[in-house]
mmCIF file of all heavy atoms, coordinates in Angstrom:
data_MODEL
# 
_entry.id   MODEL 
# 
loop_
_atom_site.group_PDB 
_atom_site.id 
_atom_site.type_symbol 
_atom_site.label_atom_id 
_atom_site.label_alt_id 
_atom_site.label_comp_id 
_atom_site.label_asym_id 
_atom_site.label_entity_id 
_atom_site.label_seq_id 
_atom_site.pdbx_PDB_ins_code 
_atom_site.Cartn_x 
_atom_site.Cartn_y 
_atom_site.Cartn_z 
_atom_site.occupancy 
_atom_site.B_iso_or_equiv 
_atom_site.pdbx_formal_charge 
_atom_site.auth_seq_id 
_atom_site.auth_comp_id 
_atom_site.auth_asym_id 
_atom_site.auth_atom_id 
_atom_site.pdbx_PDB_model_num 
ATOM 1   N N   . GLN A 1 1  ? 0.813  -1.217  0.000  1.00 0.00 ? 1  GLN A N   1 
ATOM 2   C CA  . GLN A 1 1  ? 0.000  0.000   0.000  1.00 0.00 ? 1  GLN A CA  1 
ATOM 3   C C   . GLN A 1 1  ? 0.848  1.270   0.000  1.00 0.00 ? 1  GLN A C   1 
ATOM 4   O O   . GLN A 1 1  ? 0.315  2.369   -0.176 1.00 0.00 ? 1  GLN A O   1 
ATOM 5   C CB  . GLN A 1 1  ? -0.938 -0.006  1.213  1.00 0.00 ? 1  GLN A CB  1 
ATOM 6   C CG  . GLN A 1 1  ? -2.004 -1.102  1.164  1.00 0.00 ? 1  GLN A CG  1 
ATOM 7   C CD  . GLN A 1 1  ? -2.941 -1.057  2.357  1.00 0.00 ? 1  GLN A CD  1 
ATOM 8   O OE1 . GLN A 1 1  ? -2.617 -0.479  3.402  1.00 0.00 ? 1  GLN A OE1 1 
ATOM 9   N NE2 . GLN A 1 1  ? -4.114 -1.654  2.215  1.00 0.00 ? 1  GLN A NE2 1 
ATOM 10  N N   . TYR A 1 2  ? 2.149  1.111   0.208  1.00 0.00 ? 2  TYR A N   1 
ATOM 11  C CA  . TYR A 1 2  ? 3.053  2.263   0.238  1.00 0.00 ? 2  TYR A CA  1 
ATOM 12  C C   . TYR A 1 2  ? 3.687  2.476   -1.133 1.00 0.00 ? 2  TYR A C   1 
ATOM 13  O O   . TYR A 1 2  ? 3.700  1.558   -1.973 1.00 0.00 ? 2  TYR A O   1 
ATOM 14  C CB  . TYR A 1 2  ? 4.134  2.047   1.308  1.00 0.00 ? 2  TYR A CB  1 
ATOM 15  C CG  . TYR A 1 2  ? 3.604  2.144   2.717  1.00 0.00 ? 2  TYR A CG  1 
ATOM 16  C CD1 . TYR A 1 2  ? 3.118  1.021   3.372  1.00 0.00 ? 2  TYR A CD1 1 
ATOM 17  C CD2 . TYR A 1 2  ? 3.553  3.362   3.377  1.00 0.00 ? 2  TYR A CD2 1 
ATOM 18  C CE1 . TYR A 1 2  ? 2.599  1.105   4.662  1.00 0.00 ? 2  TYR A CE1 1 
ATOM 19  C CE2 . TYR A 1 2  ? 3.049  3.455   4.669  1.00 0.00 ? 2  TYR A CE2 1 
ATOM 20  C CZ  . TYR A 1 2  ? 2.570  2.332   5.307  1.00 0.00 ? 2  TYR A CZ  1 
ATOM 21  O OH  . TYR A 1 2  ? 2.057  2.427   6.577  1.00 0.00 ? 2  TYR A OH  1 
ATOM 22  N N   . PRO A 1 3  ? 4.218  3.671   -1.394 1.00 0.00 ? 3  PRO A N   1 
ATOM 23  C CA  . PRO A 1 3  ? 4.940  3.897   -2.654 1.00 0.00 ? 3  PRO A CA  1 
ATOM 24  C C   . PRO A 1 3  ? 6.041  2.856   -2.841 1.00 0.00 ? 3  PRO A C   1 
ATOM 25  O O   . PRO A 1 3  ? 6.564  2.304   -1.861 1.00 0.00 ? 3  PRO A O   1 
ATOM 26  C CB  . PRO A 1 3  ? 5.521  5.300   -2.478 1.00 0.00 ? 3  PRO A CB  1 
ATOM 27  C CG  . PRO A 1 3  ? 4.637  5.960   -1.468 1.00 0.00 ? 3  PRO A CG  1 
ATOM 28  C CD  . PRO A 1 3  ? 4.181  4.868   -0.543 1.00 0.00 ? 3  PRO A CD  1 
ATOM 29  N N   . ASP A 1 4  ? 6.400  2.600   -4.087 1.00 0.00 ? 4  ASP A N   1 
ATOM 30  C CA  . ASP A 1 4  ? 7.330  1.521   -4.405 1.00 0.00 ? 4  ASP A CA  1 
ATOM 31  C C   . ASP A 1 4  ? 8.620  1.587   -3.594 1.00 0.00 ? 4  ASP A C   1 
ATOM 32  O O   . ASP A 1 4  ? 9.104  0.557   -3.108 1.00 0.00 ? 4  ASP A O   1 
ATOM 33  C CB  . ASP A 1 4  ? 7.665  1.549   -5.898 1.00 0.00 ? 4  ASP A CB  1 
ATOM 34  C CG  . ASP A 1 4  ? 6.500  1.077   -6.745 1.00 0.00 ? 4  ASP A CG  1 
ATOM 35  O OD1 . ASP A 1 4  ? 5.552  0.492   -6.179 1.00 0.00 ? 4  ASP A OD1 1 
ATOM 36  O OD2 . ASP A 1 4  ? 6.523  1.310   -7.973 1.00 0.00 ? 4  ASP A OD2 1 
ATOM 37  N N   . SER A 1 5  ? 9.177  2.789   -3.442 1.00 0.00 ? 5  SER A N   1 
ATOM 38  C CA  . SER A 1 5  ? 10.452 2.901   -2.728 1.00 0.00 ? 5  SER A CA  1 
ATOM 39  C C   . SER A 1 5  ? 10.309 2.473   -1.276 1.00 0.00 ? 5  SER A C   1 
ATOM 40  O O   . SER A 1 5  ? 11.168 1.769   -0.724 1.00 0.00 ? 5  SER A O   1 
ATOM 41  C CB  . SER A 1 5  ? 10.978 4.338   -2.799 1.00 0.00 ? 5  SER A CB  1 
ATOM 42  O OG  . SER A 1 5  ? 10.029 5.237   -2.242 1.00 0.00 ? 5  SER A OG  1 
ATOM 43  N N   . LEU A 1 6  ? 9.210  2.890   -0.633 1.00 0.00 ? 6  LEU A N   1 
ATOM 44  C CA  . LEU A 1 6  ? 8.986  2.494   0.756  1.00 0.00 ? 6  LEU A CA  1 
ATOM 45  C C   . LEU A 1 6  ? 8.546  1.044   0.850  1.00 0.00 ? 6  LEU A C   1 
ATOM 46  O O   . LEU A 1 6  ? 8.897  0.351   1.807  1.00 0.00 ? 6  LEU A O   1 
ATOM 47  C CB  . LEU A 1 6  ? 7.940  3.403   1.404  1.00 0.00 ? 6  LEU A CB  1 
ATOM 48  C CG  . LEU A 1 6  ? 8.401  4.812   1.769  1.00 0.00 ? 6  LEU A CG  1 
ATOM 49  C CD1 . LEU A 1 6  ? 7.249  5.606   2.345  1.00 0.00 ? 6  LEU A CD1 1 
ATOM 50  C CD2 . LEU A 1 6  ? 9.561  4.766   2.759  1.00 0.00 ? 6  LEU A CD2 1 
ATOM 51  N N   . CYS A 1 7  ? 7.791  0.580   -0.125 1.00 0.00 ? 7  CYS A N   1 
ATOM 52  C CA  . CYS A 1 7  ? 7.387  -0.826  -0.135 1.00 0.00 ? 7  CYS A CA  1 
ATOM 53  C C   . CYS A 1 7  ? 8.611  -1.732  -0.110 1.00 0.00 ? 7  CYS A C   1 
ATOM 54  O O   . CYS A 1 7  ? 8.679  -2.674  0.682  1.00 0.00 ? 7  CYS A O   1 
ATOM 55  C CB  . CYS A 1 7  ? 6.524  -1.117  -1.360 1.00 0.00 ? 7  CYS A CB  1 
ATOM 56  S SG  . CYS A 1 7  ? 6.094  -2.860  -1.543 1.00 0.00 ? 7  CYS A SG  1 
ATOM 57  N N   . ARG A 1 8  ? 9.581  -1.433  -0.948 1.00 0.00 ? 8  ARG A N   1 
ATOM 58  C CA  . ARG A 1 8  ? 10.806 -2.247  -0.985 1.00 0.00 ? 8  ARG A CA  1 
ATOM 59  C C   . ARG A 1 8  ? 11.569 -2.133  0.332  1.00 0.00 ? 8  ARG A C   1 
ATOM 60  O O   . ARG A 1 8  ? 12.110 -3.128  0.839  1.00 0.00 ? 8  ARG A O   1 
ATOM 61  C CB  . ARG A 1 8  ? 11.693 -1.812  -2.151 1.00 0.00 ? 8  ARG A CB  1 
ATOM 62  C CG  . ARG A 1 8  ? 11.120 -2.152  -3.534 1.00 0.00 ? 8  ARG A CG  1 
ATOM 63  C CD  . ARG A 1 8  ? 12.155 -1.951  -4.621 1.00 0.00 ? 8  ARG A CD  1 
ATOM 64  N NE  . ARG A 1 8  ? 12.578 -0.563  -4.738 1.00 0.00 ? 8  ARG A NE  1 
ATOM 65  C CZ  . ARG A 1 8  ? 11.969 0.341   -5.507 1.00 0.00 ? 8  ARG A CZ  1 
ATOM 66  N NH1 . ARG A 1 8  ? 10.914 -0.002  -6.238 1.00 0.00 ? 8  ARG A NH1 1 
ATOM 67  N NH2 . ARG A 1 8  ? 12.408 1.593   -5.570 1.00 0.00 ? 8  ARG A NH2 1 
ATOM 68  N N   . LEU A 1 9  ? 11.620 -0.915  0.878  1.00 0.00 ? 9  LEU A N   1 
ATOM 69  C CA  . LEU A 1 9  ? 12.345 -0.686  2.134  1.00 0.00 ? 9  LEU A CA  1 
ATOM 70  C C   . LEU A 1 9  ? 11.709 -1.460  3.279  1.00 0.00 ? 9  LEU A C   1 
ATOM 71  O O   . LEU A 1 9  ? 12.389 -2.183  4.026  1.00 0.00 ? 9  LEU A O   1 
ATOM 72  C CB  . LEU A 1 9  ? 12.343 0.811   2.453  1.00 0.00 ? 9  LEU A CB  1 
ATOM 73  C CG  . LEU A 1 9  ? 13.143 1.242   3.694  1.00 0.00 ? 9  LEU A CG  1 
ATOM 74  C CD1 . LEU A 1 9  ? 14.637 1.258   3.378  1.00 0.00 ? 9  LEU A CD1 1 
ATOM 75  C CD2 . LEU A 1 9  ? 12.693 2.621   4.162  1.00 0.00 ? 9  LEU A CD2 1 
ATOM 76  N N   . TYR A 1 10 ? 10.377 -1.337  3.431  1.00 0.00 ? 10 TYR A N   1 
ATOM 77  C CA  . TYR A 1 10 ? 9.676  -1.968  4.541  1.00 0.00 ? 10 TYR A CA  1 
ATOM 78  C C   . TYR A 1 10 ? 9.541  -3.482  4.364  1.00 0.00 ? 10 TYR A C   1 
ATOM 79  O O   . TYR A 1 10 ? 9.454  -4.218  5.340  1.00 0.00 ? 10 TYR A O   1 
ATOM 80  C CB  . TYR A 1 10 ? 8.277  -1.367  4.696  1.00 0.00 ? 10 TYR A CB  1 
ATOM 81  C CG  . TYR A 1 10 ? 8.243  0.097   5.102  1.00 0.00 ? 10 TYR A CG  1 
ATOM 82  C CD1 . TYR A 1 10 ? 7.145  0.908   4.786  1.00 0.00 ? 10 TYR A CD1 1 
ATOM 83  C CD2 . TYR A 1 10 ? 9.289  0.678   5.817  1.00 0.00 ? 10 TYR A CD2 1 
ATOM 84  C CE1 . TYR A 1 10 ? 7.092  2.243   5.163  1.00 0.00 ? 10 TYR A CE1 1 
ATOM 85  C CE2 . TYR A 1 10 ? 9.255  2.008   6.197  1.00 0.00 ? 10 TYR A CE2 1 
ATOM 86  C CZ  . TYR A 1 10 ? 8.150  2.787   5.862  1.00 0.00 ? 10 TYR A CZ  1 
ATOM 87  O OH  . TYR A 1 10 ? 8.102  4.104   6.244  1.00 0.00 ? 10 TYR A OH  1 
ATOM 88  N N   . ASP A 1 11 ? 9.517  -3.943  3.132  1.00 0.00 ? 11 ASP A N   1 
ATOM 89  C CA  . ASP A 1 11 ? 9.233  -5.353  2.861  1.00 0.00 ? 11 ASP A CA  1 
ATOM 90  C C   . ASP A 1 11 ? 10.385 -6.282  3.227  1.00 0.00 ? 11 ASP A C   1 
ATOM 91  O O   . ASP A 1 11 ? 10.179 -7.464  3.466  1.00 0.00 ? 11 ASP A O   1 
ATOM 92  C CB  . ASP A 1 11 ? 8.881  -5.533  1.373  1.00 0.00 ? 11 ASP A CB  1 
ATOM 93  C CG  . ASP A 1 11 ? 8.082  -6.797  1.126  1.00 0.00 ? 11 ASP A CG  1 
ATOM 94  O OD1 . ASP A 1 11 ? 6.941  -6.869  1.619  1.00 0.00 ? 11 ASP A OD1 1 
ATOM 95  O OD2 . ASP A 1 11 ? 8.611  -7.711  0.473  1.00 0.00 ? 11 ASP A OD2 1 
ATOM 96  N N   . ASP A 1 12 ? 11.590 -5.745  3.290  1.00 0.00 ? 12 ASP A N   1 
ATOM 97  C CA  . ASP A 1 12 ? 12.779 -6.551  3.556  1.00 0.00 ? 12 ASP A CA  1 
ATOM 98  C C   . ASP A 1 12 ? 13.244 -6.289  4.983  1.00 0.00 ? 12 ASP A C   1 
ATOM 99  O O   . ASP A 1 12 ? 13.589 -5.157  5.325  1.00 0.00 ? 12 ASP A O   1 
ATOM 100 C CB  . ASP A 1 12 ? 13.881 -6.164  2.559  1.00 0.00 ? 12 ASP A CB  1 
ATOM 101 C CG  . ASP A 1 12 ? 15.120 -7.024  2.687  1.00 0.00 ? 12 ASP A CG  1 
ATOM 102 O OD1 . ASP A 1 12 ? 15.294 -7.708  3.718  1.00 0.00 ? 12 ASP A OD1 1 
ATOM 103 O OD2 . ASP A 1 12 ? 15.947 -7.011  1.744  1.00 0.00 ? 12 ASP A OD2 1 
ATOM 104 N N   . PRO A 1 13 ? 13.277 -7.294  5.845  1.00 0.00 ? 13 PRO A N   1 
ATOM 105 C CA  . PRO A 1 13 ? 13.694 -7.055  7.235  1.00 0.00 ? 13 PRO A CA  1 
ATOM 106 C C   . PRO A 1 13 ? 15.123 -6.529  7.362  1.00 0.00 ? 13 PRO A C   1 
ATOM 107 O O   . PRO A 1 13 ? 15.456 -5.902  8.365  1.00 0.00 ? 13 PRO A O   1 
ATOM 108 C CB  . PRO A 1 13 ? 13.540 -8.423  7.906  1.00 0.00 ? 13 PRO A CB  1 
ATOM 109 C CG  . PRO A 1 13 ? 13.446 -9.417  6.803  1.00 0.00 ? 13 PRO A CG  1 
ATOM 110 C CD  . PRO A 1 13 ? 12.880 -8.696  5.624  1.00 0.00 ? 13 PRO A CD  1 
ATOM 111 N N   . SER A 1 14 ? 15.949 -6.742  6.341  1.00 0.00 ? 14 SER A N   1 
ATOM 112 C CA  . SER A 1 14 ? 17.323 -6.247  6.409  1.00 0.00 ? 14 SER A CA  1 
ATOM 113 C C   . SER A 1 14 ? 17.406 -4.747  6.147  1.00 0.00 ? 14 SER A C   1 
ATOM 114 O O   . SER A 1 14 ? 18.398 -4.110  6.507  1.00 0.00 ? 14 SER A O   1 
ATOM 115 C CB  . SER A 1 14 ? 18.218 -7.001  5.418  1.00 0.00 ? 14 SER A CB  1 
ATOM 116 O OG  . SER A 1 14 ? 17.878 -6.669  4.085  1.00 0.00 ? 14 SER A OG  1 
ATOM 117 N N   . THR A 1 15 ? 16.379 -4.169  5.521  1.00 0.00 ? 15 THR A N   1 
ATOM 118 C CA  . THR A 1 15 ? 16.370 -2.728  5.249  1.00 0.00 ? 15 THR A CA  1 
ATOM 119 C C   . THR A 1 15 ? 15.275 -1.986  6.001  1.00 0.00 ? 15 THR A C   1 
ATOM 120 O O   . THR A 1 15 ? 15.314 -0.758  6.096  1.00 0.00 ? 15 THR A O   1 
ATOM 121 C CB  . THR A 1 15 ? 16.182 -2.463  3.744  1.00 0.00 ? 15 THR A CB  1 
ATOM 122 O OG1 . THR A 1 15 ? 14.947 -3.056  3.303  1.00 0.00 ? 15 THR A OG1 1 
ATOM 123 C CG2 . THR A 1 15 ? 17.329 -3.052  2.940  1.00 0.00 ? 15 THR A CG2 1 
ATOM 124 N N   . CYS A 1 16 ? 14.304 -2.703  6.551  1.00 0.00 ? 16 CYS A N   1 
ATOM 125 C CA  . CYS A 1 16 ? 13.209 -2.064  7.278  1.00 0.00 ? 16 CYS A CA  1 
ATOM 126 C C   . CYS A 1 16 ? 13.769 -1.327  8.496  1.00 0.00 ? 16 CYS A C   1 
ATOM 127 O O   . CYS A 1 16 ? 14.532 -1.905  9.278  1.00 0.00 ? 16 CYS A O   1 
ATOM 128 C CB  . CYS A 1 16 ? 12.191 -3.115  7.728  1.00 0.00 ? 16 CYS A CB  1 
ATOM 129 S SG  . CYS A 1 16 ? 10.762 -2.423  8.598  1.00 0.00 ? 16 CYS A SG  1 
ATOM 130 N N   . PRO A 1 17 ? 13.431 -0.057  8.682  1.00 0.00 ? 17 PRO A N   1 
ATOM 131 C CA  . PRO A 1 17 ? 13.894 0.644   9.894  1.00 0.00 ? 17 PRO A CA  1 
ATOM 132 C C   . PRO A 1 17 ? 13.486 -0.128  11.140 1.00 0.00 ? 17 PRO A C   1 
ATOM 133 O O   . PRO A 1 17 ? 12.345 -0.579  11.265 1.00 0.00 ? 17 PRO A O   1 
ATOM 134 C CB  . PRO A 1 17 ? 13.163 1.996   9.804  1.00 0.00 ? 17 PRO A CB  1 
ATOM 135 C CG  . PRO A 1 17 ? 12.865 2.186   8.351  1.00 0.00 ? 17 PRO A CG  1 
ATOM 136 C CD  . PRO A 1 17 ? 12.608 0.816   7.816  1.00 0.00 ? 17 PRO A CD  1 
ATOM 137 N N   . GLU A 1 18 ? 14.411 -0.275  12.058 1.00 0.00 ? 18 GLU A N   1 
ATOM 138 C CA  . GLU A 1 18 ? 14.125 -1.111  13.224 1.00 0.00 ? 18 GLU A CA  1 
ATOM 139 C C   . GLU A 1 18 ? 13.007 -0.557  14.088 1.00 0.00 ? 18 GLU A C   1 
ATOM 140 O O   . GLU A 1 18 ? 12.359 -1.306  14.826 1.00 0.00 ? 18 GLU A O   1 
ATOM 141 C CB  . GLU A 1 18 ? 15.397 -1.315  14.043 1.00 0.00 ? 18 GLU A CB  1 
ATOM 142 C CG  . GLU A 1 18 ? 16.386 -2.228  13.335 1.00 0.00 ? 18 GLU A CG  1 
ATOM 143 C CD  . GLU A 1 18 ? 17.560 -2.650  14.182 1.00 0.00 ? 18 GLU A CD  1 
ATOM 144 O OE1 . GLU A 1 18 ? 17.824 -1.992  15.217 1.00 0.00 ? 18 GLU A OE1 1 
ATOM 145 O OE2 . GLU A 1 18 ? 18.229 -3.644  13.823 1.00 0.00 ? 18 GLU A OE2 1 
ATOM 146 N N   . GLN A 1 19 ? 12.723 0.728   13.983 1.00 0.00 ? 19 GLN A N   1 
ATOM 147 C CA  . GLN A 1 19 ? 11.613 1.286   14.756 1.00 0.00 ? 19 GLN A CA  1 
ATOM 148 C C   . GLN A 1 19 ? 10.261 0.755   14.274 1.00 0.00 ? 19 GLN A C   1 
ATOM 149 O O   . GLN A 1 19 ? 9.272  0.821   14.999 1.00 0.00 ? 19 GLN A O   1 
ATOM 150 C CB  . GLN A 1 19 ? 11.622 2.809   14.675 1.00 0.00 ? 19 GLN A CB  1 
ATOM 151 C CG  . GLN A 1 19 ? 11.435 3.368   13.271 1.00 0.00 ? 19 GLN A CG  1 
ATOM 152 C CD  . GLN A 1 19 ? 11.742 4.853   13.218 1.00 0.00 ? 19 GLN A CD  1 
ATOM 153 O OE1 . GLN A 1 19 ? 12.489 5.378   14.053 1.00 0.00 ? 19 GLN A OE1 1 
ATOM 154 N NE2 . GLN A 1 19 ? 11.168 5.546   12.241 1.00 0.00 ? 19 GLN A NE2 1 
ATOM 155 N N   . TYR A 1 20 ? 10.220 0.200   13.040 1.00 0.00 ? 20 TYR A N   1 
ATOM 156 C CA  . TYR A 1 20 ? 8.997  -0.391  12.494 1.00 0.00 ? 20 TYR A CA  1 
ATOM 157 C C   . TYR A 1 20 ? 9.137  -1.895  12.264 1.00 0.00 ? 20 TYR A C   1 
ATOM 158 O O   . TYR A 1 20 ? 8.260  -2.512  11.664 1.00 0.00 ? 20 TYR A O   1 
ATOM 159 C CB  . TYR A 1 20 ? 8.637  0.246   11.154 1.00 0.00 ? 20 TYR A CB  1 
ATOM 160 C CG  . TYR A 1 20 ? 8.465  1.735   11.157 1.00 0.00 ? 20 TYR A CG  1 
ATOM 161 C CD1 . TYR A 1 20 ? 8.974  2.514   10.116 1.00 0.00 ? 20 TYR A CD1 1 
ATOM 162 C CD2 . TYR A 1 20 ? 7.781  2.389   12.181 1.00 0.00 ? 20 TYR A CD2 1 
ATOM 163 C CE1 . TYR A 1 20 ? 8.806  3.890   10.099 1.00 0.00 ? 20 TYR A CE1 1 
ATOM 164 C CE2 . TYR A 1 20 ? 7.616  3.764   12.167 1.00 0.00 ? 20 TYR A CE2 1 
ATOM 165 C CZ  . TYR A 1 20 ? 8.126  4.518   11.120 1.00 0.00 ? 20 TYR A CZ  1 
ATOM 166 O OH  . TYR A 1 20 ? 7.956  5.870   11.105 1.00 0.00 ? 20 TYR A OH  1 
ATOM 167 N N   . LEU A 1 21 ? 10.213 -2.509  12.740 1.00 0.00 ? 21 LEU A N   1 
ATOM 168 C CA  . LEU A 1 21 ? 10.553 -3.868  12.330 1.00 0.00 ? 21 LEU A CA  1 
ATOM 169 C C   . LEU A 1 21 ? 9.442  -4.870  12.628 1.00 0.00 ? 21 LEU A C   1 
ATOM 170 O O   . LEU A 1 21 ? 9.028  -5.646  11.752 1.00 0.00 ? 21 LEU A O   1 
ATOM 171 C CB  . LEU A 1 21 ? 11.855 -4.302  13.011 1.00 0.00 ? 21 LEU A CB  1 
ATOM 172 C CG  . LEU A 1 21 ? 12.447 -5.624  12.528 1.00 0.00 ? 21 LEU A CG  1 
ATOM 173 C CD1 . LEU A 1 21 ? 12.842 -5.542  11.060 1.00 0.00 ? 21 LEU A CD1 1 
ATOM 174 C CD2 . LEU A 1 21 ? 13.661 -5.996  13.383 1.00 0.00 ? 21 LEU A CD2 1 
ATOM 175 N N   . LEU A 1 22 ? 8.940  -4.872  13.864 1.00 0.00 ? 22 LEU A N   1 
ATOM 176 C CA  . LEU A 1 22 ? 7.929  -5.865  14.236 1.00 0.00 ? 22 LEU A CA  1 
ATOM 177 C C   . LEU A 1 22 ? 6.523  -5.433  13.834 1.00 0.00 ? 22 LEU A C   1 
ATOM 178 O O   . LEU A 1 22 ? 5.576  -6.204  13.967 1.00 0.00 ? 22 LEU A O   1 
ATOM 179 C CB  . LEU A 1 22 ? 7.998  -6.153  15.735 1.00 0.00 ? 22 LEU A CB  1 
ATOM 180 C CG  . LEU A 1 22 ? 9.346  -6.708  16.209 1.00 0.00 ? 22 LEU A CG  1 
ATOM 181 C CD1 . LEU A 1 22 ? 9.332  -6.974  17.698 1.00 0.00 ? 22 LEU A CD1 1 
ATOM 182 C CD2 . LEU A 1 22 ? 9.730  -7.973  15.444 1.00 0.00 ? 22 LEU A CD2 1 
ATOM 183 N N   . TRP A 1 23 ? 6.402  -4.221  13.320 1.00 0.00 ? 23 TRP A N   1 
ATOM 184 C CA  . TRP A 1 23 ? 5.148  -3.805  12.689 1.00 0.00 ? 23 TRP A CA  1 
ATOM 185 C C   . TRP A 1 23 ? 4.978  -4.535  11.358 1.00 0.00 ? 23 TRP A C   1 
ATOM 186 O O   . TRP A 1 23 ? 3.891  -4.980  11.008 1.00 0.00 ? 23 TRP A O   1 
ATOM 187 C CB  . TRP A 1 23 ? 5.141  -2.291  12.467 1.00 0.00 ? 23 TRP A CB  1 
ATOM 188 C CG  . TRP A 1 23 ? 3.873  -1.770  11.854 1.00 0.00 ? 23 TRP A CG  1 
ATOM 189 C CD1 . TRP A 1 23 ? 3.454  -1.885  10.557 1.00 0.00 ? 23 TRP A CD1 1 
ATOM 190 C CD2 . TRP A 1 23 ? 2.831  -1.082  12.538 1.00 0.00 ? 23 TRP A CD2 1 
ATOM 191 N NE1 . TRP A 1 23 ? 2.231  -1.297  10.385 1.00 0.00 ? 23 TRP A NE1 1 
ATOM 192 C CE2 . TRP A 1 23 ? 1.817  -0.791  11.588 1.00 0.00 ? 23 TRP A CE2 1 
ATOM 193 C CE3 . TRP A 1 23 ? 2.651  -0.659  13.858 1.00 0.00 ? 23 TRP A CE3 1 
ATOM 194 C CZ2 . TRP A 1 23 ? 0.650  -0.097  11.913 1.00 0.00 ? 23 TRP A CZ2 1 
ATOM 195 C CZ3 . TRP A 1 23 ? 1.487  0.038   14.178 1.00 0.00 ? 23 TRP A CZ3 1 
ATOM 196 C CH2 . TRP A 1 23 ? 0.509  0.304   13.217 1.00 0.00 ? 23 TRP A CH2 1 
ATOM 197 N N   . PHE A 1 24 ? 6.073  -4.662  10.622 1.00 0.00 ? 24 PHE A N   1 
ATOM 198 C CA  . PHE A 1 24 ? 6.021  -5.227  9.266  1.00 0.00 ? 24 PHE A CA  1 
ATOM 199 C C   . PHE A 1 24 ? 6.509  -6.670  9.170  1.00 0.00 ? 24 PHE A C   1 
ATOM 200 O O   . PHE A 1 24 ? 6.325  -7.302  8.127  1.00 0.00 ? 24 PHE A O   1 
ATOM 201 C CB  . PHE A 1 24 ? 6.854  -4.365  8.314  1.00 0.00 ? 24 PHE A CB  1 
ATOM 202 C CG  . PHE A 1 24 ? 6.223  -3.036  7.983  1.00 0.00 ? 24 PHE A CG  1 
ATOM 203 C CD1 . PHE A 1 24 ? 6.797  -1.846  8.424  1.00 0.00 ? 24 PHE A CD1 1 
ATOM 204 C CD2 . PHE A 1 24 ? 5.070  -2.963  7.221  1.00 0.00 ? 24 PHE A CD2 1 
ATOM 205 C CE1 . PHE A 1 24 ? 6.239  -0.613  8.107  1.00 0.00 ? 24 PHE A CE1 1 
ATOM 206 C CE2 . PHE A 1 24 ? 4.492  -1.738  6.897  1.00 0.00 ? 24 PHE A CE2 1 
ATOM 207 C CZ  . PHE A 1 24 ? 5.084  -0.571  7.347  1.00 0.00 ? 24 PHE A CZ  1 
ATOM 208 N N   . HIS A 1 25 ? 7.142  -7.201  10.239 1.00 0.00 ? 25 HIS A N   1 
ATOM 209 C CA  . HIS A 1 25 ? 7.758  -8.520  10.105 1.00 0.00 ? 25 HIS A CA  1 
ATOM 210 C C   . HIS A 1 25 ? 7.570  -9.373  11.352 1.00 0.00 ? 25 HIS A C   1 
ATOM 211 O O   . HIS A 1 25 ? 7.633  -8.871  12.479 1.00 0.00 ? 25 HIS A O   1 
ATOM 212 C CB  . HIS A 1 25 ? 9.257  -8.380  9.819  1.00 0.00 ? 25 HIS A CB  1 
ATOM 213 C CG  . HIS A 1 25 ? 9.540  -7.694  8.518  1.00 0.00 ? 25 HIS A CG  1 
ATOM 214 N ND1 . HIS A 1 25 ? 9.493  -8.346  7.308  1.00 0.00 ? 25 HIS A ND1 1 
ATOM 215 C CD2 . HIS A 1 25 ? 9.842  -6.389  8.254  1.00 0.00 ? 25 HIS A CD2 1 
ATOM 216 C CE1 . HIS A 1 25 ? 9.765  -7.482  6.341  1.00 0.00 ? 25 HIS A CE1 1 
ATOM 217 N NE2 . HIS A 1 25 ? 9.975  -6.295  6.889  1.00 0.00 ? 25 HIS A NE2 1 
ATOM 218 N N   . HIS A 1 26 ? 7.347  -10.651 11.139 1.00 0.00 ? 26 HIS A N   1 
ATOM 219 C CA  . HIS A 1 26 ? 7.397  -11.647 12.212 1.00 0.00 ? 26 HIS A CA  1 
ATOM 220 C C   . HIS A 1 26 ? 8.745  -12.333 12.103 1.00 0.00 ? 26 HIS A C   1 
ATOM 221 O O   . HIS A 1 26 ? 9.068  -12.942 11.076 1.00 0.00 ? 26 HIS A O   1 
ATOM 222 C CB  . HIS A 1 26 ? 6.265  -12.669 12.042 1.00 0.00 ? 26 HIS A CB  1 
ATOM 223 C CG  . HIS A 1 26 ? 6.160  -13.643 13.176 1.00 0.00 ? 26 HIS A CG  1 
ATOM 224 N ND1 . HIS A 1 26 ? 6.965  -14.753 13.279 1.00 0.00 ? 26 HIS A ND1 1 
ATOM 225 C CD2 . HIS A 1 26 ? 5.348  -13.664 14.263 1.00 0.00 ? 26 HIS A CD2 1 
ATOM 226 C CE1 . HIS A 1 26 ? 6.654  -15.423 14.372 1.00 0.00 ? 26 HIS A CE1 1 
ATOM 227 N NE2 . HIS A 1 26 ? 5.672  -14.787 14.988 1.00 0.00 ? 26 HIS A NE2 1 
ATOM 228 N N   . LEU A 1 27 ? 9.549  -12.203 13.152 1.00 0.00 ? 27 LEU A N   1 
ATOM 229 C CA  . LEU A 1 27 ? 10.940 -12.643 13.078 1.00 0.00 ? 27 LEU A CA  1 
ATOM 230 C C   . LEU A 1 27 ? 11.276 -13.584 14.232 1.00 0.00 ? 27 LEU A C   1 
ATOM 231 O O   . LEU A 1 27 ? 10.702 -13.477 15.324 1.00 0.00 ? 27 LEU A O   1 
ATOM 232 C CB  . LEU A 1 27 ? 11.876 -11.434 13.109 1.00 0.00 ? 27 LEU A CB  1 
ATOM 233 C CG  . LEU A 1 27 ? 11.746 -10.486 11.905 1.00 0.00 ? 27 LEU A CG  1 
ATOM 234 C CD1 . LEU A 1 27 ? 12.519 -9.211  12.157 1.00 0.00 ? 27 LEU A CD1 1 
ATOM 235 C CD2 . LEU A 1 27 ? 12.218 -11.168 10.630 1.00 0.00 ? 27 LEU A CD2 1 
ATOM 236 N N   . PRO A 1 28 ? 12.232 -14.488 14.016 1.00 0.00 ? 28 PRO A N   1 
ATOM 237 C CA  . PRO A 1 28 ? 12.617 -15.416 15.083 1.00 0.00 ? 28 PRO A CA  1 
ATOM 238 C C   . PRO A 1 28 ? 13.336 -14.688 16.213 1.00 0.00 ? 28 PRO A C   1 
ATOM 239 O O   . PRO A 1 28 ? 13.938 -13.627 16.016 1.00 0.00 ? 28 PRO A O   1 
ATOM 240 C CB  . PRO A 1 28 ? 13.544 -16.405 14.371 1.00 0.00 ? 28 PRO A CB  1 
ATOM 241 C CG  . PRO A 1 28 ? 14.047 -15.679 13.170 1.00 0.00 ? 28 PRO A CG  1 
ATOM 242 C CD  . PRO A 1 28 ? 12.949 -14.751 12.745 1.00 0.00 ? 28 PRO A CD  1 
# 
């Protein structure tokens, strides 16, 4: 739902800002 640049940023846990990490990702 976000612009392409942010979609790519948020979609990858390695690039997602850590302040939003568990908002966008379920991680071990």
